[in-house]
Amino acid sequence: MRDAETVTLPLTATFEHAIFVLSGDAVLDGQPLEGETLHYLSPGRDQLQLKSRDARILLIGGEPFPEPIVMWWNFVGRTREEIAQARSDWAAHQRFGEVKSYQGPRIEAPEL
């Protein structure tokens, strides 16, 4: 990247992190970060060095879950049964709020 600068951000090494490029260009460990992608960083890093030019970046992190997790569509749970219940609740308009500012039709969850 021409005219890019390197930014170093401190991290908690025991946390897992994720980076999302909101706008602009960014490079991490020599690899360009794709837009519209949540980039996962496993525990073990105590800092993050990004090379960027006019980039806006969202960085999130926290302690890893102590047990394995299941991720499917927009749901996260500990078991397949929890995911099935979340899908059922979504379809029944229970437990999950509505996005009032969204003007399109409600997005239905795909079949399991």
Protein backbone atom coordinates (compact mmCIF):
# COMPACT_ATOMS: atom_id res chain seq x y z
CA MET A 1 0.00 0.00 0.00
CA ARG A 2 1.36 3.37 -0.91
CA ASP A 3 1.11 6.11 1.73
CA ALA A 4 -0.11 3.60 4.31
CA GLU A 5 0.88 3.78 7.93
CA THR A 6 1.24 1.04 10.51
CA VAL A 7 -0.91 1.19 13.61
CA THR A 8 -0.16 -1.01 16.63
CA LEU A 9 -3.06 -1.87 18.94
CA PRO A 10 -2.57 -3.64 22.28
CA LEU A 11 -4.58 -6.84 22.81
CA THR A 12 -5.26 -9.11 25.77
CA ALA A 13 -3.46 -12.32 24.79
CA THR A 14 -5.98 -14.60 26.51
CA PHE A 15 -8.88 -13.13 24.52
CA GLU A 16 -10.05 -14.10 21.07
CA HIS A 17 -10.63 -11.17 18.72
CA ALA A 18 -12.27 -10.32 15.44
CA ILE A 19 -11.69 -7.48 12.98
CA PHE A 20 -14.17 -6.02 10.52
CA VAL A 21 -13.08 -3.42 7.96
CA LEU A 22 -15.83 -0.80 7.84
CA SER A 23 -14.19 1.26 5.10
CA GLY A 24 -10.84 1.74 3.43
CA ASP A 25 -8.04 -0.78 3.07
CA ALA A 26 -6.14 -2.67 5.76
CA VAL A 27 -3.39 -5.29 5.79
CA LEU A 28 -2.70 -7.68 8.69
CA ASP A 29 0.37 -9.92 8.72
CA GLY A 30 1.01 -9.09 5.07
CA GLN A 31 -2.49 -10.19 4.01
CA PRO A 32 -5.12 -7.71 2.81
CA LEU A 33 -8.29 -7.90 4.90
CA GLU A 34 -11.38 -8.44 2.77
CA GLY A 35 -14.35 -6.15 3.25
CA GLU A 36 -17.69 -7.51 4.47
CA THR A 37 -15.84 -10.31 6.29
CA LEU A 38 -15.41 -10.85 10.01
CA HIS A 39 -11.78 -11.90 10.43
CA TYR A 40 -11.21 -14.17 13.46
CA LEU A 41 -8.02 -13.97 15.56
CA SER A 42 -7.44 -16.78 18.03
CA PRO A 43 -6.00 -16.17 21.51
CA GLY A 44 -2.26 -15.67 21.82
CA ARG A 45 -1.71 -12.18 20.37
CA ASP A 46 -0.71 -9.35 22.67
CA GLN A 47 -0.80 -6.76 19.91
CA LEU A 48 -2.11 -6.16 16.44
CA GLN A 49 -0.18 -4.36 13.74
CA LEU A 50 -2.33 -3.09 10.91
CA LYS A 51 -1.11 -1.30 7.85
CA SER A 52 -3.84 0.95 6.57
CA ARG A 53 -4.74 4.01 4.59
CA ASP A 54 -7.90 5.85 5.58
CA ALA A 55 -9.39 2.71 7.10
CA ARG A 56 -12.16 2.47 9.68
CA ILE A 57 -11.92 -0.81 11.54
CA LEU A 58 -14.12 -2.49 14.14
CA LEU A 59 -12.15 -4.60 16.63
CA ILE A 60 -13.99 -6.78 19.13
CA GLY A 61 -12.70 -9.31 21.63
CA GLY A 62 -13.34 -11.18 24.81
CA GLU A 63 -12.73 -14.34 26.77
CA PRO A 64 -13.31 -17.49 24.74
CA PHE A 65 -16.29 -19.65 25.68
CA PRO A 66 -15.17 -22.46 28.00
CA GLU A 67 -17.09 -25.07 26.01
CA PRO A 68 -17.43 -25.71 22.27
CA ILE A 69 -20.08 -23.63 20.51
CA VAL A 70 -22.33 -24.23 17.52
CA MET A 71 -22.87 -21.41 15.02
CA TRP A 72 -25.53 -21.58 12.34
CA TRP A 73 -27.03 -18.73 10.30
CA ASN A 74 -27.51 -15.89 12.85
CA PHE A 75 -27.56 -18.13 15.91
CA VAL A 76 -24.94 -19.27 18.42
CA GLY A 77 -25.57 -22.03 20.94
CA ARG A 78 -23.92 -24.86 22.82
CA THR A 79 -25.86 -27.68 21.18
CA ARG A 80 -27.73 -28.43 17.97
CA GLU A 81 -30.91 -28.50 20.06
CA GLU A 82 -30.33 -24.90 21.20
CA ILE A 83 -29.87 -23.86 17.56
CA ALA A 84 -33.09 -25.66 16.56
CA GLN A 85 -34.94 -23.88 19.39
CA ALA A 86 -33.52 -20.51 18.32
CA ARG A 87 -34.68 -21.14 14.73
CA SER A 88 -38.12 -22.10 15.97
CA ASP A 89 -38.31 -18.98 18.16
CA TRP A 90 -37.23 -16.80 15.23
CA ALA A 91 -39.91 -18.29 12.98
CA ALA A 92 -42.55 -17.72 15.70
CA HIS A 93 -41.43 -14.09 16.29
CA GLN A 94 -40.51 -14.98 19.89
CA ARG A 95 -37.44 -14.03 21.94
CA PHE A 96 -35.84 -11.97 19.15
CA GLY A 97 -36.67 -8.31 18.69
CA GLU A 98 -37.65 -6.63 15.45
CA VAL A 99 -35.41 -4.14 13.65
CA LYS A 100 -37.84 -1.22 13.48
CA SER A 101 -35.81 0.82 10.96
CA TYR A 102 -35.54 -2.06 8.44
CA GLN A 103 -37.93 -1.41 5.53
CA GLY A 104 -37.79 -4.78 3.75
CA PRO A 105 -39.54 -8.08 4.37
CA ARG A 106 -38.50 -10.16 7.37
CA ILE A 107 -35.70 -12.56 6.50
CA GLU A 108 -36.70 -16.13 7.18
CA ALA A 109 -34.18 -18.60 8.59
CA PRO A 110 -33.21 -21.37 6.16
CA GLU A 111 -34.08 -24.99 6.94
CA LEU A 112 -31.71 -26.79 9.29
